Protein backbone atom coordinates (compact mmCIF):
# COMPACT_ATOMS: atom_id res chain seq x y z
CA MET A 1 -16.10 -29.23 22.89
CA THR A 2 -14.69 -30.27 19.54
CA ILE A 3 -15.81 -28.53 16.36
CA ASP A 4 -15.34 -30.61 13.26
CA ASN A 5 -13.87 -29.20 10.09
CA PRO A 6 -16.95 -28.54 7.89
CA LEU A 7 -14.99 -29.57 4.80
CA ASP A 8 -14.61 -33.12 6.13
CA SER A 9 -18.12 -34.11 5.12
CA VAL A 10 -19.50 -31.39 2.82
CA SER A 11 -18.10 -30.00 -0.42
CA GLU A 12 -16.86 -26.42 -0.53
CA ARG A 13 -19.46 -25.60 -3.19
CA ASP A 14 -22.26 -26.83 -0.94
CA LEU A 15 -20.92 -24.88 2.02
CA ALA A 16 -20.66 -21.74 -0.11
CA ARG A 17 -24.28 -22.10 -1.16
CA ARG A 18 -25.38 -22.65 2.44
CA HIS A 19 -23.43 -19.94 4.21
CA LEU A 20 -21.50 -17.55 1.95
CA LEU A 21 -23.67 -14.69 0.68
CA PRO A 22 -22.18 -13.41 -2.60
CA HIS A 23 -21.71 -9.87 -3.86
CA PHE A 24 -23.55 -8.67 -6.99
CA THR A 25 -24.42 -12.26 -7.96
CA LYS A 26 -27.81 -13.59 -9.00
CA GLY A 27 -29.17 -16.36 -6.81
CA GLN A 28 -29.66 -18.63 -9.82
CA ALA A 29 -25.97 -18.36 -10.69
CA TRP A 30 -24.86 -18.94 -7.09
CA ASP A 31 -27.01 -22.05 -6.79
CA HIS A 32 -25.77 -23.50 -10.07
CA ASP A 33 -23.80 -26.74 -10.02
CA ASN A 34 -20.79 -25.10 -11.69
CA LEU A 35 -20.20 -22.58 -8.89
CA GLY A 36 -16.46 -21.90 -8.98
CA VAL A 37 -14.11 -21.86 -6.01
CA ILE A 38 -10.78 -20.13 -6.68
CA GLU A 39 -8.08 -21.41 -4.33
CA ARG A 40 -4.72 -20.11 -5.57
CA GLY A 41 -3.07 -17.73 -8.00
CA GLU A 42 0.25 -17.16 -9.69
CA GLY A 43 1.11 -14.12 -11.78
CA CYS A 44 -1.77 -13.40 -14.15
CA TYR A 45 -3.49 -16.76 -13.64
CA VAL A 46 -5.72 -18.28 -10.94
CA TYR A 47 -6.78 -21.87 -10.32
CA ASP A 48 -9.97 -23.38 -8.94
CA THR A 49 -10.32 -26.34 -6.62
CA ASP A 50 -10.59 -28.67 -9.62
CA GLY A 51 -7.20 -27.48 -10.87
CA VAL A 52 -8.66 -25.54 -13.80
CA GLU A 53 -6.58 -22.54 -14.86
CA TYR A 54 -8.16 -19.16 -15.63
CA LEU A 55 -6.49 -16.08 -17.06
CA ASP A 56 -7.32 -13.19 -14.73
CA GLY A 57 -8.14 -10.54 -17.30
CA LEU A 58 -9.75 -8.25 -14.73
CA ALA A 59 -6.98 -8.19 -12.09
CA GLY A 60 -9.44 -9.62 -9.58
CA LEU A 61 -11.68 -6.58 -9.76
CA PHE A 62 -9.36 -3.90 -11.22
CA CYS A 63 -7.06 -4.32 -8.25
CA THR A 64 -4.54 -7.20 -8.24
CA ASN A 65 -2.16 -4.95 -10.15
CA MET A 66 1.06 -6.75 -9.29
CA GLY A 67 -0.35 -10.19 -9.96
CA HIS A 68 -1.06 -13.16 -7.74
CA GLY A 69 1.26 -15.13 -5.48
CA ARG A 70 3.59 -12.33 -4.33
CA GLN A 71 5.62 -13.80 -1.51
CA ASP A 72 7.19 -10.43 -0.72
CA PHE A 73 3.77 -8.97 0.10
CA ALA A 74 2.93 -11.98 2.26
CA ALA A 75 6.24 -11.59 4.09
CA ALA A 76 5.60 -7.88 4.70
CA ALA A 77 2.19 -8.68 6.20
CA ALA A 78 3.52 -11.48 8.38
CA LYS A 79 6.42 -9.41 9.66
CA GLN A 80 4.11 -6.57 10.62
CA MET A 81 1.61 -8.91 12.29
CA GLU A 82 4.40 -10.27 14.48
CA LYS A 83 5.34 -6.75 15.59
CA LEU A 84 2.00 -4.94 15.75
CA GLY A 85 -1.13 -6.55 14.36
CA PHE A 86 -3.37 -3.57 15.05
CA TYR A 87 -3.75 -0.26 16.78
CA PRO A 88 -6.17 2.47 15.69
CA THR A 89 -5.13 5.82 14.27
CA TRP A 90 -7.49 7.69 16.57
CA GLY A 91 -5.07 10.15 18.18
CA TRP A 92 -2.14 7.80 17.53
CA ALA A 93 0.01 6.89 14.53
CA ASN A 94 1.90 3.74 13.62
CA PRO A 95 5.10 3.44 11.54
CA PRO A 96 3.67 1.65 8.45
CA ALA A 97 0.75 4.07 8.23
CA ILE A 98 3.17 6.99 8.44
CA GLU A 99 5.42 5.50 5.76
CA ALA A 100 2.55 4.60 3.43
CA ALA A 101 0.99 8.06 3.77
CA SER A 102 4.34 9.70 3.06
CA MET A 103 4.94 7.56 -0.02
CA ILE A 104 1.45 8.24 -1.37
CA ALA A 105 1.85 11.99 -0.78
CA GLU A 106 5.18 11.97 -2.64
CA ARG A 107 3.47 10.38 -5.64
CA ALA A 108 0.31 12.49 -5.59
CA PRO A 109 -0.03 15.32 -8.10
CA GLY A 110 0.59 18.93 -7.18
CA ASP A 111 0.26 19.91 -3.55
CA LEU A 112 -1.99 17.08 -2.37
CA SER A 113 -0.28 15.90 0.79
CA GLU A 114 -2.72 14.77 3.50
CA VAL A 115 -3.68 11.08 3.42
CA PHE A 116 -6.71 9.71 5.26
CA PHE A 117 -6.95 5.91 5.33
CA VAL A 118 -10.04 3.70 5.31
CA SER A 119 -10.59 0.13 4.12
CA SER A 120 -12.33 0.35 0.74
CA GLY A 121 -13.19 2.48 -2.25
CA SER A 122 -16.75 3.06 -1.10
CA GLU A 123 -15.46 4.32 2.24
CA ALA A 124 -13.00 6.55 0.40
CA VAL A 125 -15.88 8.16 -1.48
CA GLU A 126 -17.83 8.58 1.75
CA SER A 127 -14.75 10.29 3.18
CA VAL A 128 -14.41 12.89 0.43
CA LEU A 129 -18.14 13.67 0.53
CA LYS A 130 -18.03 14.27 4.27
CA PHE A 131 -14.77 16.16 3.98
CA ALA A 132 -16.18 18.50 1.32
CA ARG A 133 -19.16 19.23 3.53
CA SER A 134 -16.92 19.78 6.56
CA TYR A 135 -14.69 22.17 4.63
CA HIS A 136 -17.56 24.38 3.51
CA VAL A 137 -19.16 24.39 6.96
CA ALA A 138 -15.79 25.38 8.42
CA ARG A 139 -15.75 28.34 6.01
CA GLY A 140 -19.21 29.43 7.07
CA GLU A 141 -20.83 28.27 3.83
CA SER A 142 -23.27 25.81 5.34
CA ASP A 143 -25.63 25.96 2.34
CA ARG A 144 -23.09 24.04 0.28
CA TYR A 145 -24.12 20.38 0.41
CA LYS A 146 -24.89 19.36 -3.17
CA VAL A 147 -22.60 17.16 -5.25
CA ILE A 148 -22.49 16.89 -9.02
CA SER A 149 -21.73 13.49 -10.50
CA ARG A 150 -22.14 11.90 -13.93
CA GLU A 151 -24.58 9.50 -15.53
CA TRP A 152 -23.52 5.83 -15.40
CA SER A 153 -20.69 6.66 -13.00
CA TYR A 154 -19.83 4.20 -10.24
CA HIS A 155 -18.65 5.50 -6.87
CA GLY A 156 -19.46 2.66 -4.49
CA THR A 157 -22.30 0.93 -2.70
CA THR A 158 -22.48 2.57 0.72
CA LEU A 159 -25.37 5.03 0.87
CA GLY A 160 -23.22 8.11 0.30
CA GLY A 161 -21.27 6.48 -2.50
CA LEU A 162 -24.47 5.09 -3.97
CA ALA A 163 -26.08 8.52 -3.93
CA VAL A 164 -23.40 9.89 -6.27
CA THR A 165 -23.29 6.70 -8.34
CA GLY A 166 -25.14 7.04 -11.63
CA VAL A 167 -26.04 3.41 -12.41
CA PRO A 168 -29.85 3.13 -12.23
CA LYS A 169 -30.14 -0.55 -11.29
CA PHE A 170 -27.79 -0.06 -8.33
CA ARG A 171 -29.62 3.06 -7.12
CA ASN A 172 -33.28 2.40 -7.75
CA PRO A 173 -34.06 -0.05 -4.91
CA PHE A 174 -32.57 2.37 -2.38
CA LEU A 175 -33.78 5.74 -3.68
CA PRO A 176 -35.88 6.53 -0.57
CA MET A 177 -32.72 6.12 1.52
CA LEU A 178 -30.47 8.39 -0.55
CA TRP A 179 -29.85 12.05 0.25
CA ASP A 180 -31.37 14.57 -2.11
CA GLY A 181 -28.27 16.65 -2.82
CA VAL A 182 -26.85 14.81 -5.82
CA ARG A 183 -27.28 16.02 -9.39
CA HIS A 184 -26.20 13.86 -12.32
CA VAL A 185 -25.07 15.34 -15.63
CA ARG A 186 -24.04 13.77 -18.92
CA ASN A 187 -20.76 11.89 -19.03
CA THR A 188 -18.06 12.20 -21.67
CA TYR A 189 -19.43 9.53 -24.02
CA GLY A 190 -19.53 10.98 -27.53
CA ASP A 191 -18.03 14.32 -26.46
CA THR A 192 -15.16 15.96 -28.35
CA SER A 193 -12.40 18.38 -27.40
CA ASP A 194 -13.75 21.13 -29.66
CA VAL A 195 -17.16 21.04 -27.94
CA LEU A 196 -16.61 19.83 -24.35
CA ALA A 197 -20.36 19.61 -23.86
CA SER A 198 -19.83 17.28 -20.90
CA ALA A 199 -17.83 19.92 -19.04
CA ALA A 200 -20.34 22.62 -19.99
CA ALA A 201 -23.07 20.44 -18.46
CA VAL A 202 -21.30 20.64 -15.11
CA GLU A 203 -21.19 24.44 -15.20
CA GLU A 204 -24.81 24.63 -16.31
CA MET A 205 -25.85 22.46 -13.37
CA ILE A 206 -23.86 24.56 -10.90
CA LEU A 207 -25.61 27.68 -12.16
CA ALA A 208 -29.02 26.01 -12.19
CA GLU A 209 -28.68 24.84 -8.59
CA GLY A 210 -26.96 28.00 -7.37
CA PRO A 211 -23.17 27.98 -6.88
CA GLU A 212 -23.65 28.80 -3.19
CA THR A 213 -25.30 25.37 -2.69
CA VAL A 214 -22.76 23.16 -4.51
CA ALA A 215 -20.00 21.54 -2.46
CA ALA A 216 -18.16 19.29 -4.93
CA VAL A 217 -17.90 17.73 -8.35
CA ILE A 218 -16.82 14.07 -8.38
CA ALA A 219 -15.68 12.14 -11.45
CA GLU A 220 -13.39 9.27 -12.44
CA PRO A 221 -10.51 10.28 -14.74
CA VAL A 222 -11.53 7.38 -17.00
CA GLN A 223 -15.11 6.36 -16.27
CA ASN A 224 -15.72 2.68 -15.65
CA GLY A 225 -19.53 2.69 -15.94
CA ARG A 226 -20.66 2.84 -19.59
CA GLY A 227 -17.36 1.24 -20.54
CA GLY A 228 -13.89 2.79 -20.45
CA LEU A 229 -14.90 6.39 -21.19
CA VAL A 230 -11.73 8.36 -21.93
CA PRO A 231 -12.41 12.10 -21.64
CA PRO A 232 -11.65 14.39 -24.59
CA ASP A 233 -8.55 16.59 -24.41
CA GLY A 234 -9.13 19.59 -22.21
CA TYR A 235 -11.99 18.11 -20.22
CA TRP A 236 -10.26 17.89 -16.85
CA PRO A 237 -8.56 21.31 -17.06
CA GLU A 238 -11.99 22.73 -17.90
CA LEU A 239 -13.51 21.06 -14.84
CA ARG A 240 -10.71 22.62 -12.79
CA ARG A 241 -11.49 26.07 -14.21
CA ILE A 242 -15.22 25.71 -13.54
CA CYS A 243 -14.76 24.52 -9.96
CA ASP A 244 -12.30 27.31 -9.19
CA LYS A 245 -14.70 29.89 -10.63
CA TYR A 246 -17.56 28.87 -8.34
CA GLY A 247 -15.67 27.81 -5.21
CA VAL A 248 -16.54 24.13 -5.70
CA LEU A 249 -14.17 21.31 -4.70
CA LEU A 250 -13.02 19.00 -7.50
CA VAL A 251 -12.72 15.32 -6.58
CA ALA A 252 -11.05 12.72 -8.79
CA ASP A 253 -12.33 9.26 -7.90
CA GLU A 254 -9.27 7.14 -8.64
CA VAL A 255 -10.27 3.95 -6.85
CA ILE A 256 -9.65 2.12 -10.14
CA CYS A 257 -7.49 4.66 -11.93
CA ALA A 258 -4.64 5.11 -9.45
CA PHE A 259 -1.49 3.07 -8.90
CA GLY A 260 -0.50 2.39 -12.47
CA ARG A 261 -3.66 1.38 -14.30
CA PHE A 262 -3.01 4.18 -16.81
CA GLY A 263 0.77 4.28 -16.55
CA HIS A 264 0.97 6.89 -13.77
CA TRP A 265 0.75 6.75 -10.02
CA PHE A 266 -2.43 8.79 -10.39
CA ALA A 267 -4.41 9.20 -13.60
CA SER A 268 -5.04 12.87 -12.79
CA GLU A 269 -1.41 13.47 -13.74
CA ARG A 270 -2.02 11.95 -17.17
CA PHE A 271 -4.95 14.31 -17.75
CA GLY A 272 -3.11 17.42 -16.60
CA VAL A 273 -5.07 18.34 -13.50
CA VAL A 274 -4.53 18.70 -9.77
CA PRO A 275 -7.87 17.98 -8.03
CA ASP A 276 -8.66 19.16 -4.53
CA MET A 277 -9.07 15.58 -3.39
CA ILE A 278 -8.36 12.11 -4.79
CA THR A 279 -9.86 8.82 -3.68
CA PHE A 280 -7.87 5.59 -3.94
CA ALA A 281 -8.15 1.91 -2.98
CA LYS A 282 -7.75 -1.36 -4.96
CA GLY A 283 -4.25 -1.04 -6.45
CA VAL A 284 -2.66 0.65 -3.43
CA THR A 285 -2.01 -2.83 -1.99
CA SER A 286 -2.65 -4.79 -5.20
CA ALA A 287 -5.60 -6.09 -3.16
CA TYR A 288 -3.39 -8.18 -0.86
CA GLN A 289 -4.96 -6.25 2.01
CA PRO A 290 -8.11 -4.09 2.06
CA LEU A 291 -7.06 -0.44 2.07
CA GLY A 292 -8.47 2.76 0.66
CA GLY A 293 -8.36 6.43 1.37
CA MET A 294 -8.37 10.00 0.21
CA ILE A 295 -5.69 12.61 -0.37
CA ALA A 296 -6.38 16.30 0.22
CA ARG A 297 -4.58 19.60 0.21
CA ARG A 298 -3.07 20.70 3.52
CA SER A 299 -4.83 24.06 3.29
CA LEU A 300 -8.22 22.34 3.20
CA VAL A 301 -7.39 20.30 6.29
CA GLU A 302 -6.14 23.37 8.15
CA THR A 303 -9.37 25.22 7.35
CA ILE A 304 -11.29 22.53 9.22
CA TRP A 305 -8.82 22.27 12.11
CA GLU A 306 -8.78 26.03 12.63
CA SER A 307 -12.59 26.33 12.62
CA ASP A 308 -15.04 25.75 15.45
CA MET A 309 -15.28 22.13 14.27
CA ALA A 310 -11.58 21.68 15.20
CA ALA A 311 -11.57 18.15 13.76
CA TYR A 312 -12.65 16.24 10.68
CA MET A 313 -15.56 14.36 12.26
CA HIS A 314 -15.10 11.07 10.48
CA GLY A 315 -13.25 7.86 11.19
CA ALA A 316 -13.13 4.10 10.89
CA THR A 317 -11.75 1.43 13.19
CA PHE A 318 -9.43 -0.05 10.59
CA GLY A 319 -8.29 3.17 8.91
CA GLY A 320 -4.50 3.17 8.76
CA HIS A 321 -4.35 -0.49 9.76
CA PRO A 322 -0.65 -1.32 10.28
CA VAL A 323 -0.75 -4.60 8.33
CA ALA A 324 -2.63 -3.12 5.37
CA THR A 325 -0.35 -0.10 5.20
CA ALA A 326 2.75 -2.30 5.51
CA VAL A 327 1.56 -4.17 2.42
CA ALA A 328 0.91 -0.85 0.67
CA VAL A 329 4.53 0.12 1.31
CA ALA A 330 5.76 -3.20 -0.09
CA ASN A 331 3.48 -2.83 -3.10
CA MET A 332 4.65 0.69 -3.96
CA ARG A 333 8.29 -0.31 -3.58
CA ALA A 334 7.78 -3.28 -5.87
CA MET A 335 6.03 -1.11 -8.46
CA ALA A 336 8.98 1.26 -8.48
CA ASP A 337 11.66 -1.46 -8.46
CA GLU A 338 9.98 -3.33 -11.33
CA ASN A 339 9.28 -0.21 -13.42
CA ILE A 340 5.58 -1.00 -13.63
CA LEU A 341 4.51 2.45 -14.82
CA LYS A 342 6.92 2.30 -17.75
CA HIS A 343 5.84 -1.26 -18.46
CA VAL A 344 2.21 -0.17 -18.82
CA LEU A 345 3.07 2.79 -21.05
CA ASP A 346 5.40 0.67 -23.17
CA ASN A 347 2.72 -1.98 -23.71
CA GLU A 348 -0.50 0.06 -23.98
CA ASP A 349 -0.20 0.66 -27.73
CA GLY A 350 0.35 -3.04 -28.35
CA PHE A 351 -2.56 -3.96 -26.11
CA ARG A 352 -4.81 -1.53 -27.94
CA ALA A 353 -3.61 -2.80 -31.32
CA ARG A 354 -4.52 -6.36 -30.34
CA LEU A 355 -8.02 -5.26 -29.36
CA ASP A 356 -8.45 -3.18 -32.52
CA GLY A 357 -7.48 -6.30 -34.45
CA LEU A 358 -10.27 -8.18 -32.73
CA MET A 359 -12.68 -5.45 -33.79
CA ASP A 360 -11.49 -5.73 -37.39
CA ASN A 361 -12.09 -9.47 -37.32
CA HIS A 362 -15.47 -9.46 -35.58
CA ASN A 363 -18.45 -7.61 -36.96
CA CYS A 364 -20.17 -7.82 -33.58
CA VAL A 365 -17.71 -5.34 -32.04
CA LYS A 366 -19.03 -1.79 -32.14
CA GLU A 367 -16.16 0.01 -30.45
CA VAL A 368 -13.05 -0.43 -28.32
CA ARG A 369 -12.44 2.25 -25.68
CA GLY A 370 -9.78 2.73 -23.05
CA LEU A 371 -6.16 3.48 -22.21
CA GLY A 372 -3.28 1.82 -20.44
CA TYR A 373 -4.38 -1.54 -19.08
CA PHE A 374 -8.12 -0.80 -19.04
CA TYR A 375 -10.49 -1.34 -21.99
CA ALA A 376 -14.11 -1.94 -22.85
CA ILE A 377 -15.28 -3.84 -25.93
CA GLU A 378 -18.82 -2.74 -26.79
CA LEU A 379 -21.00 -5.11 -28.82
CA MET A 380 -23.66 -4.66 -31.50
CA ALA A 381 -25.52 -6.95 -33.87
CA ASP A 382 -23.93 -5.86 -37.17
CA ARG A 383 -21.31 -3.11 -37.31
CA GLU A 384 -21.08 -3.02 -41.09
CA GLY A 385 -24.86 -2.76 -41.38
CA GLY A 386 -25.18 -0.35 -38.47
CA VAL A 387 -27.58 -2.65 -36.60
CA GLU A 388 -27.67 -2.45 -32.81
CA LEU A 389 -28.56 -5.39 -30.59
CA SER A 390 -32.26 -6.19 -30.39
CA ASP A 391 -33.91 -6.37 -27.00
CA GLU A 392 -33.95 -10.15 -27.28
CA GLN A 393 -30.26 -10.36 -28.21
CA ARG A 394 -29.29 -7.94 -25.46
CA SER A 395 -31.30 -9.85 -22.88
CA ALA A 396 -29.78 -13.18 -23.90
CA LEU A 397 -26.20 -11.91 -23.89
CA GLN A 398 -26.54 -10.04 -20.61
CA GLY A 399 -28.64 -12.79 -19.07
CA GLY A 400 -25.92 -15.41 -19.08
CA LEU A 401 -24.63 -16.26 -22.55
CA LEU A 402 -21.66 -13.89 -22.44
CA GLY A 403 -20.82 -15.03 -18.93
CA GLN A 404 -20.87 -18.67 -19.97
CA TRP A 405 -18.70 -18.09 -23.04
CA VAL A 406 -16.21 -16.12 -20.97
CA ARG A 407 -16.03 -18.97 -18.49
CA ASP A 408 -15.69 -21.55 -21.26
CA ALA A 409 -12.72 -19.58 -22.62
CA ARG A 410 -11.18 -19.73 -19.14
CA ILE A 411 -10.73 -15.98 -18.95
CA LEU A 412 -11.97 -13.79 -16.13
CA VAL A 413 -13.24 -10.55 -17.64
CA ARG A 414 -16.45 -8.66 -16.95
CA PRO A 415 -19.55 -9.05 -19.11
CA ASP A 416 -20.91 -5.56 -18.45
CA ASP A 417 -24.46 -4.25 -18.89
CA ARG A 418 -24.08 -0.72 -17.50
CA GLY A 419 -25.39 1.38 -20.36
CA ALA A 420 -24.47 -1.08 -23.12
CA THR A 421 -23.50 -4.72 -23.67
CA MET A 422 -19.75 -4.92 -23.21
CA LEU A 423 -16.72 -6.88 -22.11
CA THR A 424 -14.41 -5.04 -19.70
CA LEU A 425 -10.71 -5.95 -19.59
CA SER A 426 -8.31 -4.83 -16.89
CA PRO A 427 -5.43 -7.32 -16.50
CA PRO A 428 -2.71 -7.23 -13.85
CA LEU A 429 -0.15 -4.56 -14.68
CA VAL A 430 2.59 -7.19 -14.80
CA ALA A 431 0.98 -8.77 -17.88
CA ASP A 432 3.62 -9.07 -20.61
CA ALA A 433 3.33 -9.66 -24.36
CA ASP A 434 2.68 -13.38 -23.89
CA VAL A 435 -0.17 -12.72 -21.47
CA LEU A 436 -1.63 -10.03 -23.74
CA ASP A 437 -1.51 -12.52 -26.61
CA ASP A 438 -3.28 -15.07 -24.43
CA ILE A 439 -5.97 -12.52 -23.53
CA THR A 440 -6.46 -11.76 -27.20
CA GLU A 441 -6.83 -15.41 -28.16
CA ARG A 442 -9.35 -16.11 -25.43
CA ILE A 443 -11.42 -12.99 -26.17
CA ASP A 444 -11.32 -13.96 -29.84
CA GLU A 445 -12.99 -17.23 -28.85
CA VAL A 446 -15.70 -15.35 -26.94
CA LEU A 447 -16.34 -12.96 -29.83
CA THR A 448 -16.49 -15.84 -32.33
CA ARG A 449 -19.26 -17.44 -30.31
CA THR A 450 -20.98 -14.07 -29.90
CA GLY A 451 -20.88 -13.44 -33.64
CA GLY A 452 -22.24 -16.89 -34.36
CA PHE A 453 -25.12 -16.37 -32.00
CA LEU A 454 -25.98 -12.99 -33.50
CA ALA A 455 -25.76 -14.30 -37.05
CA GLY A 456 -28.08 -17.20 -36.24
């Protein structure tokens, strides 16, 4: 039996509409005639099947940190496939998984040393939630099952990750399916180092629920949801103090933040804290292979192993996949050889200055927030007049106008509606001054059209 190539008679766009179910995409947009098909990438740019170039200002989805078209990563994957394409890490190890785990442990803050691999950020969050529960059960504290998270936080789409996520539109359809142990408190938006009300809210919730029932606190070092929320000085050390006081595990969700996004291997280091566990994904392979995981303290692991449980009862077929971990090794070596962390720190002030310049030139920009190579540009109707967006303006911008203007400018950034109307920028970490200038020019075009619409 011969199966014809489907592309021989039907366009790729038509086939995508017929068979490829998209992620987080409205049906109207997917069915539109201008559905894009990206077929190749080079550096900080990608190209569709019509040959149109786009500047990847979001690093894919906060993950293609080392840029597109890396032949060294492709070679590492191919070499490993030829030797061992797959074997599970259920009672066995494989050399690339061992090497990747060792390299990650060497770069992790403090005494975090035990690396558990999965395939995505959502799975990484599931892993820390189940690990926290396992640890407390192993200690005989089986009443500890609650987790404290923050409003507008994003921790994934699997049911456990979604339960701790704080974005209403993602959660609401599935509320009957989510476990009842999550409590959300205010995030760091608007907080200051002299007040630290956002940290106090965590302690107040622990006391309200009963410390003996709380298993963990989970937070991103810089929160993505609500737009590049950088915590005030002292916030993370205060979370550490609070968790230590009440015997609660502190989890830093670094699925976006790790592997150089903020100029460090892990953003926890930048904020002066050693969590009990860290999640990672995205940048660990620069997205050339799906890989995620968690890092924990050895003492926590030993508590579980030495208990009646005897094992951490969690696993995934592809955790520690030899090809994915081989690419992770190649990625981390390249980051070190090319001084990527220094590159980000050397360029972050200039990146921020460019964005502040856009704010100065566009009255529709309310605020620029972020650090390193991660920023959010929040919009309003009239900054000088103090006028926020009307419901009609907000609906129009979030409903497709911003997305169209971004596409017209041939820049891939995220028109974001999680808590405000924003543009989120997160370019590949290899972006140099020329690329940052190009980002600025293209965002300037988007903001010019936004300002014209709001003025009309």
